[in-house]
All heavy atoms as atom14 arrays in JSON, in Angstrom:
{
  "sequence": "AVLAVALAAMSVAASAKGCIKGAIVGGAAGHYAHHHGVLGAAAGCVIG",
  "atom14_mask": [
    [1, 1, 1, 1, 1, 0, 0, 0, 0, 0, 0, 0, 0, 0],
    [1, 1, 1, 1, 1, 1, 1, 0, 0, 0, 0, 0, 0, 0],
    [1, 1, 1, 1, 1, 1, 1, 1, 0, 0, 0, 0, 0, 0],
    [1, 1, 1, 1, 1, 0, 0, 0, 0, 0, 0, 0, 0, 0],
    [1, 1, 1, 1, 1, 1, 1, 0, 0, 0, 0, 0, 0, 0],
    [1, 1, 1, 1, 1, 0, 0, 0, 0, 0, 0, 0, 0, 0],
    [1, 1, 1, 1, 1, 1, 1, 1, 0, 0, 0, 0, 0, 0],
    [1, 1, 1, 1, 1, 0, 0, 0, 0, 0, 0, 0, 0, 0],
    [1, 1, 1, 1, 1, 0, 0, 0, 0, 0, 0, 0, 0, 0],
    [1, 1, 1, 1, 1, 1, 1, 1, 0, 0, 0, 0, 0, 0],
    [1, 1, 1, 1, 1, 1, 0, 0, 0, 0, 0, 0, 0, 0],
    [1, 1, 1, 1, 1, 1, 1, 0, 0, 0, 0, 0, 0, 0],
    [1, 1, 1, 1, 1, 0, 0, 0, 0, 0, 0, 0, 0, 0],
    [1, 1, 1, 1, 1, 0, 0, 0, 0, 0, 0, 0, 0, 0],
    [1, 1, 1, 1, 1, 1, 0, 0, 0, 0, 0, 0, 0, 0],
    [1, 1, 1, 1, 1, 0, 0, 0, 0, 0, 0, 0, 0, 0],
    [1, 1, 1, 1, 1, 1, 1, 1, 1, 0, 0, 0, 0, 0],
    [1, 1, 1, 1, 0, 0, 0, 0, 0, 0, 0, 0, 0, 0],
    [1, 1, 1, 1, 1, 1, 0, 0, 0, 0, 0, 0, 0, 0],
    [1, 1, 1, 1, 1, 1, 1, 1, 0, 0, 0, 0, 0, 0],
    [1, 1, 1, 1, 1, 1, 1, 1, 1, 0, 0, 0, 0, 0],
    [1, 1, 1, 1, 0, 0, 0, 0, 0, 0, 0, 0, 0, 0],
    [1, 1, 1, 1, 1, 0, 0, 0, 0, 0, 0, 0, 0, 0],
    [1, 1, 1, 1, 1, 1, 1, 1, 0, 0, 0, 0, 0, 0],
    [1, 1, 1, 1, 1, 1, 1, 0, 0, 0, 0, 0, 0, 0],
    [1, 1, 1, 1, 0, 0, 0, 0, 0, 0, 0, 0, 0, 0],
    [1, 1, 1, 1, 0, 0, 0, 0, 0, 0, 0, 0, 0, 0],
    [1, 1, 1, 1, 1, 0, 0, 0, 0, 0, 0, 0, 0, 0],
    [1, 1, 1, 1, 1, 0, 0, 0, 0, 0, 0, 0, 0, 0],
    [1, 1, 1, 1, 0, 0, 0, 0, 0, 0, 0, 0, 0, 0],
    [1, 1, 1, 1, 1, 1, 1, 1, 1, 1, 0, 0, 0, 0],
    [1, 1, 1, 1, 1, 1, 1, 1, 1, 1, 1, 1, 0, 0],
    [1, 1, 1, 1, 1, 0, 0, 0, 0, 0, 0, 0, 0, 0],
    [1, 1, 1, 1, 1, 1, 1, 1, 1, 1, 0, 0, 0, 0],
    [1, 1, 1, 1, 1, 1, 1, 1, 1, 1, 0, 0, 0, 0],
    [1, 1, 1, 1, 1, 1, 1, 1, 1, 1, 0, 0, 0, 0],
    [1, 1, 1, 1, 0, 0, 0, 0, 0, 0, 0, 0, 0, 0],
    [1, 1, 1, 1, 1, 1, 1, 0, 0, 0, 0, 0, 0, 0],
    [1, 1, 1, 1, 1, 1, 1, 1, 0, 0, 0, 0, 0, 0],
    [1, 1, 1, 1, 0, 0, 0, 0, 0, 0, 0, 0, 0, 0],
    [1, 1, 1, 1, 1, 0, 0, 0, 0, 0, 0, 0, 0, 0],
    [1, 1, 1, 1, 1, 0, 0, 0, 0, 0, 0, 0, 0, 0],
    [1, 1, 1, 1, 1, 0, 0, 0, 0, 0, 0, 0, 0, 0],
    [1, 1, 1, 1, 0, 0, 0, 0, 0, 0, 0, 0, 0, 0],
    [1, 1, 1, 1, 1, 1, 0, 0, 0, 0, 0, 0, 0, 0],
    [1, 1, 1, 1, 1, 1, 1, 0, 0, 0, 0, 0, 0, 0],
    [1, 1, 1, 1, 1, 1, 1, 1, 0, 0, 0, 0, 0, 0],
    [1, 1, 1, 1, 0, 0, 0, 0, 0, 0, 0, 0, 0, 0]
  ],
  "atom14_positions": [
    [[152.93, 81.23, 107.79], [151.82, 81.89, 108.47], [150.48, 81.39, 107.93], [149.55, 81.12, 108.71], [151.91, 83.4, 108.3], [0.0, 0.0, 0.0], [0.0, 0.0, 0.0], [0.0, 0.0, 0.0], [0.0, 0.0, 0.0], [0.0, 0.0, 0.0], [0.0, 0.0, 0.0], [0.0, 0.0, 0.0], [0.0, 0.0, 0.0], [0.0, 0.0, 0.0]],
    [[150.37, 81.23, 106.63], [149.12, 80.73, 106.04], [148.86, 79.31, 106.48], [147.73, 78.95, 106.84], [149.17, 80.84, 104.49], [148.03, 80.07, 103.85], [149.16, 82.29, 104.07], [0.0, 0.0, 0.0], [0.0, 0.0, 0.0], [0.0, 0.0, 0.0], [0.0, 0.0, 0.0], [0.0, 0.0, 0.0], [0.0, 0.0, 0.0], [0.0, 0.0, 0.0]],
    [[149.89, 78.47, 106.49], [149.71, 77.09, 106.94], [149.35, 77.02, 108.41], [148.53, 76.19, 108.82], [150.97, 76.28, 106.66], [151.22, 75.94, 105.2], [152.56, 75.23, 105.04], [150.11, 75.1, 104.65], [0.0, 0.0, 0.0], [0.0, 0.0, 0.0], [0.0, 0.0, 0.0], [0.0, 0.0, 0.0], [0.0, 0.0, 0.0], [0.0, 0.0, 0.0]],
    [[149.92, 77.88, 109.22], [149.6, 77.89, 110.64], [148.14, 78.28, 110.88], [147.45, 77.69, 111.71], [150.53, 78.83, 111.39], [0.0, 0.0, 0.0], [0.0, 0.0, 0.0], [0.0, 0.0, 0.0], [0.0, 0.0, 0.0], [0.0, 0.0, 0.0], [0.0, 0.0, 0.0], [0.0, 0.0, 0.0], [0.0, 0.0, 0.0], [0.0, 0.0, 0.0]],
    [[147.67, 79.26, 110.14], [146.27, 79.67, 110.27], [145.34, 78.56, 109.79], [144.32, 78.28, 110.42], [146.02, 80.98, 109.49], [144.53, 81.29, 109.39], [146.76, 82.13, 110.14], [0.0, 0.0, 0.0], [0.0, 0.0, 0.0], [0.0, 0.0, 0.0], [0.0, 0.0, 0.0], [0.0, 0.0, 0.0], [0.0, 0.0, 0.0], [0.0, 0.0, 0.0]],
    [[145.71, 77.9, 108.69], [144.88, 76.82, 108.18], [144.81, 75.65, 109.16], [143.75, 75.07, 109.38], [145.41, 76.34, 106.83], [0.0, 0.0, 0.0], [0.0, 0.0, 0.0], [0.0, 0.0, 0.0], [0.0, 0.0, 0.0], [0.0, 0.0, 0.0], [0.0, 0.0, 0.0], [0.0, 0.0, 0.0], [0.0, 0.0, 0.0], [0.0, 0.0, 0.0]],
    [[145.93, 75.32, 109.77], [145.94, 74.24, 110.75], [145.2, 74.62, 112.03], [144.55, 73.79, 112.65], [147.37, 73.82, 111.06], [148.1, 73.1, 109.93], [149.55, 72.85, 110.32], [147.42, 71.8, 109.59], [0.0, 0.0, 0.0], [0.0, 0.0, 0.0], [0.0, 0.0, 0.0], [0.0, 0.0, 0.0], [0.0, 0.0, 0.0], [0.0, 0.0, 0.0]],
    [[145.29, 75.87, 112.41], [144.58, 76.33, 113.61], [143.07, 76.35, 113.38], [142.3, 76.2, 114.33], [145.08, 77.71, 114.02], [0.0, 0.0, 0.0], [0.0, 0.0, 0.0], [0.0, 0.0, 0.0], [0.0, 0.0, 0.0], [0.0, 0.0, 0.0], [0.0, 0.0, 0.0], [0.0, 0.0, 0.0], [0.0, 0.0, 0.0], [0.0, 0.0, 0.0]],
    [[142.66, 76.51, 112.15], [141.23, 76.56, 111.85], [140.56, 75.19, 112.02], [139.35, 75.1, 112.2], [141.01, 77.06, 110.43], [0.0, 0.0, 0.0], [0.0, 0.0, 0.0], [0.0, 0.0, 0.0], [0.0, 0.0, 0.0], [0.0, 0.0, 0.0], [0.0, 0.0, 0.0], [0.0, 0.0, 0.0], [0.0, 0.0, 0.0], [0.0, 0.0, 0.0]],
    [[141.35, 74.14, 111.95], [140.81, 72.8, 112.16], [140.66, 72.56, 113.66], [141.64, 72.4, 114.37], [141.74, 71.75, 111.56], [141.76, 71.74, 110.09], [142.73, 70.38, 109.55], [143.87, 71.19, 108.48], [0.0, 0.0, 0.0], [0.0, 0.0, 0.0], [0.0, 0.0, 0.0], [0.0, 0.0, 0.0], [0.0, 0.0, 0.0], [0.0, 0.0, 0.0]],
    [[139.43, 72.55, 114.12], [139.22, 72.46, 115.57], [139.21, 71.02, 116.07], [139.5, 70.78, 117.23], [137.91, 73.14, 115.95], [136.84, 72.5, 115.29], [0.0, 0.0, 0.0], [0.0, 0.0, 0.0], [0.0, 0.0, 0.0], [0.0, 0.0, 0.0], [0.0, 0.0, 0.0], [0.0, 0.0, 0.0], [0.0, 0.0, 0.0], [0.0, 0.0, 0.0]],
    [[138.89, 70.07, 115.24], [138.81, 68.67, 115.65], [140.1, 67.98, 115.24], [140.52, 68.05, 114.1], [137.6, 67.98, 114.99], [137.51, 66.53, 115.42], [136.33, 68.72, 115.33], [0.0, 0.0, 0.0], [0.0, 0.0, 0.0], [0.0, 0.0, 0.0], [0.0, 0.0, 0.0], [0.0, 0.0, 0.0], [0.0, 0.0, 0.0], [0.0, 0.0, 0.0]],
    [[140.73, 67.28, 116.17], [142.0, 66.62, 115.89], [141.85, 65.51, 114.87], [142.75, 65.24, 114.1], [142.59, 66.08, 117.18], [0.0, 0.0, 0.0], [0.0, 0.0, 0.0], [0.0, 0.0, 0.0], [0.0, 0.0, 0.0], [0.0, 0.0, 0.0], [0.0, 0.0, 0.0], [0.0, 0.0, 0.0], [0.0, 0.0, 0.0], [0.0, 0.0, 0.0]],
    [[140.71, 64.84, 114.84], [140.51, 63.74, 113.91], [140.46, 64.21, 112.46], [140.78, 63.46, 111.56], [139.24, 62.99, 114.26], [0.0, 0.0, 0.0], [0.0, 0.0, 0.0], [0.0, 0.0, 0.0], [0.0, 0.0, 0.0], [0.0, 0.0, 0.0], [0.0, 0.0, 0.0], [0.0, 0.0, 0.0], [0.0, 0.0, 0.0], [0.0, 0.0, 0.0]],
    [[140.09, 65.45, 112.22], [140.01, 65.93, 110.85], [141.38, 66.19, 110.24], [141.49, 66.38, 109.04], [139.17, 67.2, 110.78], [139.84, 68.26, 111.41], [0.0, 0.0, 0.0], [0.0, 0.0, 0.0], [0.0, 0.0, 0.0], [0.0, 0.0, 0.0], [0.0, 0.0, 0.0], [0.0, 0.0, 0.0], [0.0, 0.0, 0.0], [0.0, 0.0, 0.0]],
    [[142.41, 66.2, 111.05], [143.75, 66.43, 110.54], [144.41, 65.15, 110.05], [145.5, 65.2, 109.5], [144.62, 67.07, 111.62], [0.0, 0.0, 0.0], [0.0, 0.0, 0.0], [0.0, 0.0, 0.0], [0.0, 0.0, 0.0], [0.0, 0.0, 0.0], [0.0, 0.0, 0.0], [0.0, 0.0, 0.0], [0.0, 0.0, 0.0], [0.0, 0.0, 0.0]],
    [[143.74, 64.01, 110.25], [144.33, 62.75, 109.84], [144.48, 62.73, 108.32], [143.51, 62.85, 107.6], [143.47, 61.58, 110.3], [144.11, 60.25, 110.16], [143.29, 59.19, 110.84], [144.07, 57.9, 110.87], [143.33, 56.89, 111.6], [0.0, 0.0, 0.0], [0.0, 0.0, 0.0], [0.0, 0.0, 0.0], [0.0, 0.0, 0.0], [0.0, 0.0, 0.0]],
    [[145.69, 62.58, 107.85], [145.98, 62.58, 106.42], [146.3, 63.95, 105.88], [146.96, 64.08, 104.86], [0.0, 0.0, 0.0], [0.0, 0.0, 0.0], [0.0, 0.0, 0.0], [0.0, 0.0, 0.0], [0.0, 0.0, 0.0], [0.0, 0.0, 0.0], [0.0, 0.0, 0.0], [0.0, 0.0, 0.0], [0.0, 0.0, 0.0], [0.0, 0.0, 0.0]],
    [[145.85, 64.98, 106.54], [146.04, 66.34, 106.05], [147.49, 66.8, 106.19], [148.04, 67.4, 105.27], [145.12, 67.3, 106.79], [145.26, 69.0, 106.25], [0.0, 0.0, 0.0], [0.0, 0.0, 0.0], [0.0, 0.0, 0.0], [0.0, 0.0, 0.0], [0.0, 0.0, 0.0], [0.0, 0.0, 0.0], [0.0, 0.0, 0.0], [0.0, 0.0, 0.0]],
    [[148.1, 66.51, 107.31], [149.46, 66.98, 107.56], [150.44, 66.39, 106.55], [151.23, 67.11, 105.93], [149.89, 66.64, 109.0], [148.9, 67.2, 110.01], [151.3, 67.13, 109.27], [148.77, 68.7, 110.0], [0.0, 0.0, 0.0], [0.0, 0.0, 0.0], [0.0, 0.0, 0.0], [0.0, 0.0, 0.0], [0.0, 0.0, 0.0], [0.0, 0.0, 0.0]],
    [[150.38, 65.07, 106.38], [151.28, 64.42, 105.43], [151.02, 64.91, 104.02], [151.96, 65.18, 103.26], [151.11, 62.91, 105.5], [152.13, 62.15, 104.69], [151.83, 60.66, 104.6], [151.81, 60.0, 105.95], [151.58, 58.54, 105.85], [0.0, 0.0, 0.0], [0.0, 0.0, 0.0], [0.0, 0.0, 0.0], [0.0, 0.0, 0.0], [0.0, 0.0, 0.0]],
    [[149.75, 65.04, 103.65], [149.41, 65.53, 102.32], [149.86, 66.95, 102.09], [150.32, 67.31, 101.0], [0.0, 0.0, 0.0], [0.0, 0.0, 0.0], [0.0, 0.0, 0.0], [0.0, 0.0, 0.0], [0.0, 0.0, 0.0], [0.0, 0.0, 0.0], [0.0, 0.0, 0.0], [0.0, 0.0, 0.0], [0.0, 0.0, 0.0], [0.0, 0.0, 0.0]],
    [[149.76, 67.78, 103.12], [150.18, 69.17, 103.0], [151.69, 69.28, 102.82], [152.17, 70.12, 102.05], [149.73, 69.98, 104.21], [0.0, 0.0, 0.0], [0.0, 0.0, 0.0], [0.0, 0.0, 0.0], [0.0, 0.0, 0.0], [0.0, 0.0, 0.0], [0.0, 0.0, 0.0], [0.0, 0.0, 0.0], [0.0, 0.0, 0.0], [0.0, 0.0, 0.0]],
    [[152.42, 68.44, 103.52], [153.88, 68.47, 103.39], [154.29, 68.05, 101.98], [155.1, 68.72, 101.32], [154.53, 67.58, 104.46], [154.34, 68.19, 105.83], [156.01, 67.37, 104.17], [154.73, 67.3, 106.98], [0.0, 0.0, 0.0], [0.0, 0.0, 0.0], [0.0, 0.0, 0.0], [0.0, 0.0, 0.0], [0.0, 0.0, 0.0], [0.0, 0.0, 0.0]],
    [[153.74, 66.95, 101.51], [154.08, 66.45, 100.17], [153.59, 67.43, 99.11], [154.33, 67.76, 98.16], [153.5, 65.05, 99.95], [153.66, 64.6, 98.52], [154.12, 64.05, 100.9], [0.0, 0.0, 0.0], [0.0, 0.0, 0.0], [0.0, 0.0, 0.0], [0.0, 0.0, 0.0], [0.0, 0.0, 0.0], [0.0, 0.0, 0.0], [0.0, 0.0, 0.0]],
    [[152.37, 67.92, 99.24], [151.82, 68.86, 98.27], [152.56, 70.19, 98.26], [152.77, 70.79, 97.2], [0.0, 0.0, 0.0], [0.0, 0.0, 0.0], [0.0, 0.0, 0.0], [0.0, 0.0, 0.0], [0.0, 0.0, 0.0], [0.0, 0.0, 0.0], [0.0, 0.0, 0.0], [0.0, 0.0, 0.0], [0.0, 0.0, 0.0], [0.0, 0.0, 0.0]],
    [[152.97, 70.65, 99.43], [153.74, 71.89, 99.49], [155.09, 71.77, 98.83], [155.54, 72.69, 98.14], [0.0, 0.0, 0.0], [0.0, 0.0, 0.0], [0.0, 0.0, 0.0], [0.0, 0.0, 0.0], [0.0, 0.0, 0.0], [0.0, 0.0, 0.0], [0.0, 0.0, 0.0], [0.0, 0.0, 0.0], [0.0, 0.0, 0.0], [0.0, 0.0, 0.0]],
    [[155.75, 70.64, 99.03], [157.05, 70.43, 98.38], [156.88, 70.32, 96.87], [157.66, 70.91, 96.1], [157.69, 69.16, 98.93], [0.0, 0.0, 0.0], [0.0, 0.0, 0.0], [0.0, 0.0, 0.0], [0.0, 0.0, 0.0], [0.0, 0.0, 0.0], [0.0, 0.0, 0.0], [0.0, 0.0, 0.0], [0.0, 0.0, 0.0], [0.0, 0.0, 0.0]],
    [[155.85, 69.58, 96.43], [155.61, 69.45, 94.99], [155.23, 70.8, 94.39], [155.69, 71.16, 93.3], [154.51, 68.43, 94.74], [0.0, 0.0, 0.0], [0.0, 0.0, 0.0], [0.0, 0.0, 0.0], [0.0, 0.0, 0.0], [0.0, 0.0, 0.0], [0.0, 0.0, 0.0], [0.0, 0.0, 0.0], [0.0, 0.0, 0.0], [0.0, 0.0, 0.0]],
    [[154.4, 71.57, 95.08], [154.0, 72.88, 94.6], [155.16, 73.86, 94.54], [155.24, 74.71, 93.65], [0.0, 0.0, 0.0], [0.0, 0.0, 0.0], [0.0, 0.0, 0.0], [0.0, 0.0, 0.0], [0.0, 0.0, 0.0], [0.0, 0.0, 0.0], [0.0, 0.0, 0.0], [0.0, 0.0, 0.0], [0.0, 0.0, 0.0], [0.0, 0.0, 0.0]],
    [[156.08, 73.73, 95.48], [157.26, 74.6, 95.49], [158.1, 74.38, 94.24], [158.57, 75.34, 93.62], [158.1, 74.34, 96.73], [159.42, 75.03, 96.7], [159.54, 76.39, 96.86], [160.68, 74.55, 96.53], [160.83, 76.72, 96.78], [161.53, 75.61, 96.58], [0.0, 0.0, 0.0], [0.0, 0.0, 0.0], [0.0, 0.0, 0.0], [0.0, 0.0, 0.0]],
    [[158.26, 73.13, 93.86], [159.06, 72.84, 92.67], [158.29, 73.08, 91.38], [158.88, 73.15, 90.31], [159.57, 71.4, 92.72], [160.68, 71.25, 93.74], [160.46, 70.55, 94.91], [161.91, 71.85, 93.55], [161.46, 70.43, 95.85], [162.9, 71.75, 94.49], [162.68, 71.03, 95.64], [163.66, 70.92, 96.58], [0.0, 0.0, 0.0], [0.0, 0.0, 0.0]],
    [[156.98, 73.21, 91.45], [156.17, 73.51, 90.28], [155.9, 75.01, 90.24], [154.8, 75.49, 90.52], [154.86, 72.73, 90.31], [0.0, 0.0, 0.0], [0.0, 0.0, 0.0], [0.0, 0.0, 0.0], [0.0, 0.0, 0.0], [0.0, 0.0, 0.0], [0.0, 0.0, 0.0], [0.0, 0.0, 0.0], [0.0, 0.0, 0.0], [0.0, 0.0, 0.0]],
    [[156.91, 75.77, 89.93], [156.82, 77.22, 89.75], [156.39, 77.97, 91.01], [155.56, 78.88, 90.96], [155.88, 77.56, 88.59], [156.29, 76.92, 87.31], [157.39, 77.3, 86.61], [155.76, 75.87, 86.64], [157.52, 76.54, 85.55], [156.53, 75.66, 85.54], [0.0, 0.0, 0.0], [0.0, 0.0, 0.0], [0.0, 0.0, 0.0], [0.0, 0.0, 0.0]],
    [[156.89, 77.56, 92.15], [156.72, 78.27, 93.43], [155.26, 78.43, 93.84], [154.82, 79.51, 94.25], [157.4, 79.63, 93.38], [158.86, 79.52, 93.08], [159.76, 79.04, 93.99], [159.57, 79.79, 91.97], [160.97, 79.05, 93.46], [160.88, 79.49, 92.22], [0.0, 0.0, 0.0], [0.0, 0.0, 0.0], [0.0, 0.0, 0.0], [0.0, 0.0, 0.0]],
    [[154.47, 77.36, 93.75], [153.09, 77.36, 94.2], [152.96, 76.45, 95.43], [152.13, 75.55, 95.47], [152.15, 76.87, 93.09], [152.08, 77.78, 91.92], [151.56, 79.06, 92.01], [152.46, 77.62, 90.63], [151.63, 79.63, 90.83], [152.18, 78.8, 89.98], [0.0, 0.0, 0.0], [0.0, 0.0, 0.0], [0.0, 0.0, 0.0], [0.0, 0.0, 0.0]],
    [[153.78, 76.71, 96.44], [153.82, 75.87, 97.62], [152.54, 75.91, 98.44], [152.08, 74.88, 98.92], [0.0, 0.0, 0.0], [0.0, 0.0, 0.0], [0.0, 0.0, 0.0], [0.0, 0.0, 0.0], [0.0, 0.0, 0.0], [0.0, 0.0, 0.0], [0.0, 0.0, 0.0], [0.0, 0.0, 0.0], [0.0, 0.0, 0.0], [0.0, 0.0, 0.0]],
    [[151.95, 77.07, 98.6], [150.73, 77.19, 99.4], [149.57, 76.49, 98.71], [148.81, 75.76, 99.35], [150.39, 78.68, 99.66], [149.08, 78.82, 100.39], [151.5, 79.36, 100.44], [0.0, 0.0, 0.0], [0.0, 0.0, 0.0], [0.0, 0.0, 0.0], [0.0, 0.0, 0.0], [0.0, 0.0, 0.0], [0.0, 0.0, 0.0], [0.0, 0.0, 0.0]],
    [[149.47, 76.68, 97.41], [148.42, 76.01, 96.65], [148.61, 74.49, 96.69], [147.65, 73.74, 96.87], [148.42, 76.51, 95.21], [147.33, 75.97, 94.29], [145.97, 76.39, 94.82], [147.53, 76.5, 92.89], [0.0, 0.0, 0.0], [0.0, 0.0, 0.0], [0.0, 0.0, 0.0], [0.0, 0.0, 0.0], [0.0, 0.0, 0.0], [0.0, 0.0, 0.0]],
    [[149.85, 74.04, 96.58], [150.14, 72.62, 96.66], [149.84, 72.05, 98.03], [149.34, 70.93, 98.16], [0.0, 0.0, 0.0], [0.0, 0.0, 0.0], [0.0, 0.0, 0.0], [0.0, 0.0, 0.0], [0.0, 0.0, 0.0], [0.0, 0.0, 0.0], [0.0, 0.0, 0.0], [0.0, 0.0, 0.0], [0.0, 0.0, 0.0], [0.0, 0.0, 0.0]],
    [[150.14, 72.81, 99.08], [149.85, 72.36, 100.44], [148.36, 72.25, 100.68], [147.89, 71.28, 101.3], [150.48, 73.31, 101.45], [0.0, 0.0, 0.0], [0.0, 0.0, 0.0], [0.0, 0.0, 0.0], [0.0, 0.0, 0.0], [0.0, 0.0, 0.0], [0.0, 0.0, 0.0], [0.0, 0.0, 0.0], [0.0, 0.0, 0.0], [0.0, 0.0, 0.0]],
    [[147.6, 73.19, 100.18], [146.14, 73.13, 100.34], [145.55, 71.94, 99.59], [144.73, 71.2, 100.13], [145.51, 74.44, 99.85], [0.0, 0.0, 0.0], [0.0, 0.0, 0.0], [0.0, 0.0, 0.0], [0.0, 0.0, 0.0], [0.0, 0.0, 0.0], [0.0, 0.0, 0.0], [0.0, 0.0, 0.0], [0.0, 0.0, 0.0], [0.0, 0.0, 0.0]],
    [[146.0, 71.74, 98.37], [145.51, 70.6, 97.59], [145.97, 69.29, 98.21], [145.2, 68.32, 98.26], [146.0, 70.71, 96.15], [0.0, 0.0, 0.0], [0.0, 0.0, 0.0], [0.0, 0.0, 0.0], [0.0, 0.0, 0.0], [0.0, 0.0, 0.0], [0.0, 0.0, 0.0], [0.0, 0.0, 0.0], [0.0, 0.0, 0.0], [0.0, 0.0, 0.0]],
    [[147.19, 69.24, 98.7], [147.7, 68.04, 99.35], [146.93, 67.69, 100.6], [146.68, 66.52, 100.9], [0.0, 0.0, 0.0], [0.0, 0.0, 0.0], [0.0, 0.0, 0.0], [0.0, 0.0, 0.0], [0.0, 0.0, 0.0], [0.0, 0.0, 0.0], [0.0, 0.0, 0.0], [0.0, 0.0, 0.0], [0.0, 0.0, 0.0], [0.0, 0.0, 0.0]],
    [[146.51, 68.71, 101.34], [145.71, 68.48, 102.54], [144.36, 67.86, 102.17], [143.93, 66.9, 102.81], [145.5, 69.8, 103.28], [144.48, 69.66, 104.75], [0.0, 0.0, 0.0], [0.0, 0.0, 0.0], [0.0, 0.0, 0.0], [0.0, 0.0, 0.0], [0.0, 0.0, 0.0], [0.0, 0.0, 0.0], [0.0, 0.0, 0.0], [0.0, 0.0, 0.0]],
    [[143.73, 68.39, 101.15], [142.42, 67.86, 100.73], [142.55, 66.43, 100.23], [141.77, 65.55, 100.6], [141.81, 68.77, 99.63], [140.59, 68.13, 99.01], [141.48, 70.12, 100.21], [0.0, 0.0, 0.0], [0.0, 0.0, 0.0], [0.0, 0.0, 0.0], [0.0, 0.0, 0.0], [0.0, 0.0, 0.0], [0.0, 0.0, 0.0], [0.0, 0.0, 0.0]],
    [[143.57, 66.17, 99.42], [143.76, 64.82, 98.88], [144.15, 63.85, 99.98], [143.65, 62.72, 100.02], [144.81, 64.85, 97.75], [144.25, 65.63, 96.57], [145.2, 63.44, 97.33], [145.28, 65.97, 95.51], [0.0, 0.0, 0.0], [0.0, 0.0, 0.0], [0.0, 0.0, 0.0], [0.0, 0.0, 0.0], [0.0, 0.0, 0.0], [0.0, 0.0, 0.0]],
    [[145.02, 64.27, 100.9], [145.4, 63.41, 102.01], [144.23, 63.07, 102.9], [144.09, 61.93, 103.37], [0.0, 0.0, 0.0], [0.0, 0.0, 0.0], [0.0, 0.0, 0.0], [0.0, 0.0, 0.0], [0.0, 0.0, 0.0], [0.0, 0.0, 0.0], [0.0, 0.0, 0.0], [0.0, 0.0, 0.0], [0.0, 0.0, 0.0], [0.0, 0.0, 0.0]]
  ]
}
């Protein structure tokens, strides 16, 4: 739900370039780092 709201908040399609892949990788890494998947997804989106 948090990821869906964050993605819906991005109104321009071009701003999502790199964000989706980064969020997936960051969310997976955050999940394995003591269950911080949402924080990892947010950081992954910014870095991507």
